[in-house]
Amino acid sequence: MTTWTTPQDIKGIVRKAWDRGDVLSSRLSGTPPFPKTIALTRPETREFGDRFAEVQAWISELERCSANDGYEIEWEEINNRQVGKNRVPRRVLIHSPEDAA
């Protein structure tokens, strides 16, 4: 079992912010809540080599859900001595209240 951030985790974080009233209160205070950045808990360096298939599945799930769930993935390139260079999700961005909804 992993502790890597899942699309369901992202939805939960956004839902909590929405339920707390962060979106509405920010409109009153003039502080824009968007874009909202969510840092990802992701595989550690050694896991890229040891659990490469699981890491690929995690990345695929984030990518697949990003189109429907209203978030954009920000990528980072890593270089792992076992598996070489790979593009890995670093964080996600939610650009608007409509995307958050």
N, C-alpha and C. Protein backbone atom coordinates (compact mmCIF):
# COMPACT_ATOMS: atom_id res chain seq x y z
N MET A 1 0.84 -1.19 0.00
CA MET A 1 0.00 0.00 0.00
C MET A 1 0.89 1.25 0.00
N THR A 2 0.48 2.23 -0.78
CA THR A 2 1.27 3.45 -0.87
C THR A 2 0.61 4.59 -0.11
N THR A 3 1.39 5.59 0.16
CA THR A 3 0.87 6.81 0.76
C THR A 3 0.94 7.96 -0.25
N TRP A 4 1.10 7.61 -1.52
CA TRP A 4 1.20 8.62 -2.56
C TRP A 4 -0.17 9.27 -2.76
N THR A 5 -0.19 10.55 -3.08
CA THR A 5 -1.43 11.27 -3.27
C THR A 5 -2.21 10.71 -4.46
N THR A 6 -3.48 10.42 -4.24
CA THR A 6 -4.35 9.87 -5.27
C THR A 6 -5.33 10.95 -5.76
N PRO A 7 -6.00 10.71 -6.88
CA PRO A 7 -7.04 11.65 -7.30
C PRO A 7 -8.13 11.83 -6.23
N GLN A 8 -8.43 10.77 -5.50
CA GLN A 8 -9.42 10.87 -4.43
C GLN A 8 -8.92 11.79 -3.31
N ASP A 9 -7.63 11.74 -3.02
CA ASP A 9 -7.04 12.65 -2.03
C ASP A 9 -7.17 14.10 -2.48
N ILE A 10 -6.91 14.34 -3.76
CA ILE A 10 -7.01 15.69 -4.31
C ILE A 10 -8.44 16.21 -4.18
N LYS A 11 -9.41 15.36 -4.53
CA LYS A 11 -10.82 15.75 -4.39
C LYS A 11 -11.15 16.07 -2.94
N GLY A 12 -10.63 15.27 -2.02
CA GLY A 12 -10.88 15.50 -0.60
C GLY A 12 -10.32 16.83 -0.11
N ILE A 13 -9.13 17.17 -0.56
CA ILE A 13 -8.51 18.44 -0.17
C ILE A 13 -9.34 19.62 -0.69
N VAL A 14 -9.77 19.52 -1.94
CA VAL A 14 -10.59 20.59 -2.52
C VAL A 14 -11.94 20.67 -1.82
N ARG A 15 -12.54 19.53 -1.54
CA ARG A 15 -13.83 19.50 -0.86
C ARG A 15 -13.74 20.14 0.53
N LYS A 16 -12.68 19.86 1.26
CA LYS A 16 -12.50 20.47 2.58
C LYS A 16 -12.40 21.98 2.48
N ALA A 17 -11.63 22.47 1.50
CA ALA A 17 -11.49 23.92 1.31
C ALA A 17 -12.85 24.53 0.96
N TRP A 18 -13.61 23.85 0.13
CA TRP A 18 -14.93 24.33 -0.27
C TRP A 18 -15.86 24.35 0.95
N ASP A 19 -15.87 23.24 1.71
CA ASP A 19 -16.74 23.13 2.89
C ASP A 19 -16.40 24.15 3.98
N ARG A 20 -15.10 24.50 4.10
CA ARG A 20 -14.69 25.50 5.08
C ARG A 20 -15.12 26.91 4.67
N GLY A 21 -15.51 27.05 3.42
CA GLY A 21 -15.93 28.35 2.92
C GLY A 21 -14.78 29.19 2.39
N ASP A 22 -13.64 28.56 2.13
CA ASP A 22 -12.47 29.31 1.65
C ASP A 22 -12.75 30.06 0.35
N VAL A 23 -13.52 29.46 -0.55
CA VAL A 23 -13.78 30.08 -1.84
C VAL A 23 -14.65 31.33 -1.66
N LEU A 24 -15.73 31.20 -0.91
CA LEU A 24 -16.62 32.34 -0.71
C LEU A 24 -15.98 33.43 0.13
N SER A 25 -15.29 33.06 1.19
CA SER A 25 -14.68 34.09 2.04
C SER A 25 -13.56 34.83 1.31
N SER A 26 -12.89 34.16 0.40
CA SER A 26 -11.83 34.84 -0.34
C SER A 26 -12.41 35.89 -1.29
N ARG A 27 -13.58 35.64 -1.79
CA ARG A 27 -14.23 36.64 -2.65
C ARG A 27 -14.57 37.90 -1.85
N LEU A 28 -14.96 37.72 -0.61
CA LEU A 28 -15.28 38.87 0.24
C LEU A 28 -14.03 39.63 0.67
N SER A 29 -12.97 38.90 0.94
CA SER A 29 -11.74 39.54 1.42
C SER A 29 -10.87 40.06 0.27
N GLY A 30 -11.16 39.63 -0.94
CA GLY A 30 -10.36 40.06 -2.09
C GLY A 30 -9.11 39.24 -2.31
N THR A 31 -8.94 38.19 -1.54
CA THR A 31 -7.78 37.29 -1.70
C THR A 31 -8.19 36.16 -2.64
N PRO A 32 -7.58 36.08 -3.79
CA PRO A 32 -7.99 35.04 -4.74
C PRO A 32 -7.59 33.64 -4.26
N PRO A 33 -8.54 32.70 -4.24
CA PRO A 33 -8.21 31.33 -3.83
C PRO A 33 -7.62 30.49 -4.96
N PHE A 34 -7.68 31.02 -6.17
CA PHE A 34 -7.22 30.26 -7.32
C PHE A 34 -6.20 31.06 -8.10
N PRO A 35 -5.24 30.41 -8.70
CA PRO A 35 -5.12 28.96 -8.74
C PRO A 35 -4.71 28.39 -7.38
N LYS A 36 -5.26 27.25 -7.07
CA LYS A 36 -4.93 26.53 -5.84
C LYS A 36 -3.89 25.47 -6.18
N THR A 37 -2.83 25.45 -5.41
CA THR A 37 -1.75 24.50 -5.63
C THR A 37 -1.80 23.43 -4.55
N ILE A 38 -1.71 22.19 -4.96
CA ILE A 38 -1.70 21.07 -4.02
C ILE A 38 -0.42 20.27 -4.26
N ALA A 39 0.43 20.26 -3.25
CA ALA A 39 1.66 19.46 -3.34
C ALA A 39 1.30 17.98 -3.26
N LEU A 40 2.01 17.18 -4.00
CA LEU A 40 1.75 15.74 -4.01
C LEU A 40 2.74 14.99 -3.13
N THR A 41 2.23 14.02 -2.41
CA THR A 41 3.10 13.05 -1.76
C THR A 41 3.38 12.01 -2.83
N ARG A 42 4.63 11.85 -3.18
CA ARG A 42 4.97 11.00 -4.31
C ARG A 42 6.04 9.98 -3.93
N PRO A 43 6.33 9.07 -4.83
CA PRO A 43 7.32 8.04 -4.52
C PRO A 43 8.68 8.64 -4.17
N GLU A 44 9.35 7.97 -3.27
CA GLU A 44 10.72 8.35 -2.94
C GLU A 44 11.64 7.86 -4.05
N THR A 45 12.83 8.42 -4.11
CA THR A 45 13.78 8.11 -5.18
C THR A 45 13.99 6.61 -5.35
N ARG A 46 14.20 5.89 -4.27
CA ARG A 46 14.47 4.45 -4.37
C ARG A 46 13.26 3.68 -4.91
N GLU A 47 12.06 4.20 -4.69
CA GLU A 47 10.85 3.51 -5.14
C GLU A 47 10.72 3.53 -6.67
N PHE A 48 11.33 4.51 -7.31
CA PHE A 48 11.25 4.56 -8.77
C PHE A 48 11.88 3.31 -9.39
N GLY A 49 12.94 2.82 -8.80
CA GLY A 49 13.56 1.60 -9.30
C GLY A 49 12.92 0.35 -8.74
N ASP A 50 12.64 0.35 -7.43
CA ASP A 50 12.11 -0.84 -6.76
C ASP A 50 10.66 -1.15 -7.13
N ARG A 51 9.87 -0.11 -7.41
CA ARG A 51 8.43 -0.29 -7.64
C ARG A 51 7.99 0.44 -8.92
N PHE A 52 8.80 0.31 -9.95
CA PHE A 52 8.59 1.10 -11.17
C PHE A 52 7.19 0.92 -11.76
N ALA A 53 6.69 -0.31 -11.81
CA ALA A 53 5.36 -0.55 -12.39
C ALA A 53 4.27 0.15 -11.56
N GLU A 54 4.40 0.14 -10.24
CA GLU A 54 3.43 0.83 -9.39
C GLU A 54 3.50 2.34 -9.57
N VAL A 55 4.72 2.86 -9.72
CA VAL A 55 4.90 4.29 -9.95
C VAL A 55 4.25 4.68 -11.27
N GLN A 56 4.45 3.88 -12.30
CA GLN A 56 3.84 4.16 -13.60
C GLN A 56 2.31 4.14 -13.50
N ALA A 57 1.76 3.20 -12.76
CA ALA A 57 0.31 3.11 -12.59
C ALA A 57 -0.21 4.34 -11.84
N TRP A 58 0.52 4.79 -10.83
CA TRP A 58 0.14 5.99 -10.07
C TRP A 58 0.11 7.22 -10.98
N ILE A 59 1.15 7.36 -11.79
CA ILE A 59 1.21 8.49 -12.73
C ILE A 59 0.05 8.42 -13.73
N SER A 60 -0.20 7.25 -14.27
CA SER A 60 -1.28 7.06 -15.24
C SER A 60 -2.64 7.43 -14.66
N GLU A 61 -2.87 7.04 -13.41
CA GLU A 61 -4.14 7.35 -12.76
C GLU A 61 -4.30 8.86 -12.57
N LEU A 62 -3.24 9.53 -12.13
CA LEU A 62 -3.31 10.99 -11.97
C LEU A 62 -3.59 11.66 -13.32
N GLU A 63 -2.92 11.21 -14.36
CA GLU A 63 -3.13 11.79 -15.70
C GLU A 63 -4.55 11.55 -16.19
N ARG A 64 -5.01 10.33 -16.05
CA ARG A 64 -6.35 9.97 -16.52
C ARG A 64 -7.42 10.82 -15.83
N CYS A 65 -7.28 10.98 -14.54
CA CYS A 65 -8.29 11.71 -13.77
C CYS A 65 -8.19 13.23 -13.94
N SER A 66 -7.04 13.72 -14.32
CA SER A 66 -6.87 15.18 -14.42
C SER A 66 -7.82 15.79 -15.43
N ALA A 67 -8.10 15.10 -16.52
CA ALA A 67 -8.98 15.63 -17.56
C ALA A 67 -10.41 15.80 -17.05
N ASN A 68 -10.88 14.88 -16.23
CA ASN A 68 -12.26 14.92 -15.74
C ASN A 68 -12.41 15.65 -14.42
N ASP A 69 -11.35 15.69 -13.63
CA ASP A 69 -11.47 16.22 -12.27
C ASP A 69 -11.04 17.68 -12.14
N GLY A 70 -10.67 18.32 -13.24
CA GLY A 70 -10.42 19.75 -13.23
C GLY A 70 -9.10 20.20 -12.63
N TYR A 71 -8.07 19.38 -12.71
CA TYR A 71 -6.77 19.84 -12.24
C TYR A 71 -5.71 19.63 -13.33
N GLU A 72 -4.68 20.44 -13.24
CA GLU A 72 -3.55 20.35 -14.16
C GLU A 72 -2.35 19.82 -13.38
N ILE A 73 -1.62 18.94 -13.98
CA ILE A 73 -0.43 18.37 -13.33
C ILE A 73 0.78 19.22 -13.69
N GLU A 74 1.55 19.59 -12.68
CA GLU A 74 2.84 20.23 -12.91
C GLU A 74 3.89 19.13 -12.80
N TRP A 75 4.75 19.06 -13.79
CA TRP A 75 5.71 17.97 -13.91
C TRP A 75 7.11 18.39 -13.51
N GLU A 76 7.90 17.39 -13.15
CA GLU A 76 9.32 17.57 -12.85
C GLU A 76 10.05 16.39 -13.47
N GLU A 77 11.22 16.64 -14.01
CA GLU A 77 12.01 15.54 -14.56
C GLU A 77 13.01 15.08 -13.51
N ILE A 78 13.04 13.78 -13.30
CA ILE A 78 14.01 13.22 -12.36
C ILE A 78 14.93 12.28 -13.13
N ASN A 79 16.10 12.05 -12.58
CA ASN A 79 17.04 11.12 -13.18
C ASN A 79 17.38 10.06 -12.12
N ASN A 80 16.93 8.87 -12.36
CA ASN A 80 17.15 7.76 -11.44
C ASN A 80 18.17 6.82 -12.05
N ARG A 81 19.14 6.41 -11.28
CA ARG A 81 20.21 5.58 -11.84
C ARG A 81 19.71 4.23 -12.33
N GLN A 82 18.59 3.73 -11.79
CA GLN A 82 18.07 2.43 -12.24
C GLN A 82 17.17 2.54 -13.46
N VAL A 83 16.35 3.60 -13.52
CA VAL A 83 15.35 3.68 -14.59
C VAL A 83 15.55 4.88 -15.52
N GLY A 84 16.59 5.67 -15.28
CA GLY A 84 16.89 6.80 -16.16
C GLY A 84 16.02 8.02 -15.90
N LYS A 85 15.90 8.86 -16.95
CA LYS A 85 15.12 10.08 -16.82
C LYS A 85 13.63 9.78 -16.97
N ASN A 86 12.85 10.40 -16.09
CA ASN A 86 11.41 10.23 -16.13
C ASN A 86 10.73 11.53 -15.73
N ARG A 87 9.57 11.76 -16.32
CA ARG A 87 8.74 12.91 -15.97
C ARG A 87 7.79 12.46 -14.88
N VAL A 88 7.78 13.21 -13.76
CA VAL A 88 7.02 12.80 -12.59
C VAL A 88 6.16 13.96 -12.10
N PRO A 89 4.90 13.69 -11.69
CA PRO A 89 4.06 14.76 -11.15
C PRO A 89 4.68 15.35 -9.88
N ARG A 90 4.72 16.68 -9.82
CA ARG A 90 5.26 17.39 -8.67
C ARG A 90 4.14 17.93 -7.79
N ARG A 91 3.15 18.55 -8.45
CA ARG A 91 1.99 19.10 -7.75
C ARG A 91 0.88 19.26 -8.76
N VAL A 92 -0.32 19.57 -8.27
CA VAL A 92 -1.43 19.84 -9.17
C VAL A 92 -1.93 21.26 -8.94
N LEU A 93 -2.50 21.82 -9.99
CA LEU A 93 -3.05 23.17 -9.95
C LEU A 93 -4.52 23.11 -10.29
N ILE A 94 -5.31 23.83 -9.53
CA ILE A 94 -6.73 23.99 -9.81
C ILE A 94 -6.91 25.46 -10.13
N HIS A 95 -7.33 25.74 -11.34
CA HIS A 95 -7.28 27.12 -11.85
C HIS A 95 -8.48 27.99 -11.50
N SER A 96 -9.64 27.39 -11.22
CA SER A 96 -10.82 28.22 -11.02
C SER A 96 -11.82 27.54 -10.10
N PRO A 97 -12.80 28.31 -9.60
CA PRO A 97 -13.86 27.69 -8.79
C PRO A 97 -14.65 26.65 -9.60
N GLU A 98 -14.79 26.89 -10.90
CA GLU A 98 -15.50 25.92 -11.74
C GLU A 98 -14.74 24.59 -11.78
N ASP A 99 -13.42 24.68 -11.86
CA ASP A 99 -12.62 23.45 -11.84
C ASP A 99 -12.73 22.75 -10.49
N ALA A 100 -12.80 23.53 -9.43
CA ALA A 100 -12.89 22.96 -8.09
C ALA A 100 -14.25 22.28 -7.88
N ALA A 101 -15.28 22.85 -8.49
CA ALA A 101 -16.62 22.27 -8.34
C ALA A 101 -16.69 20.94 -9.04
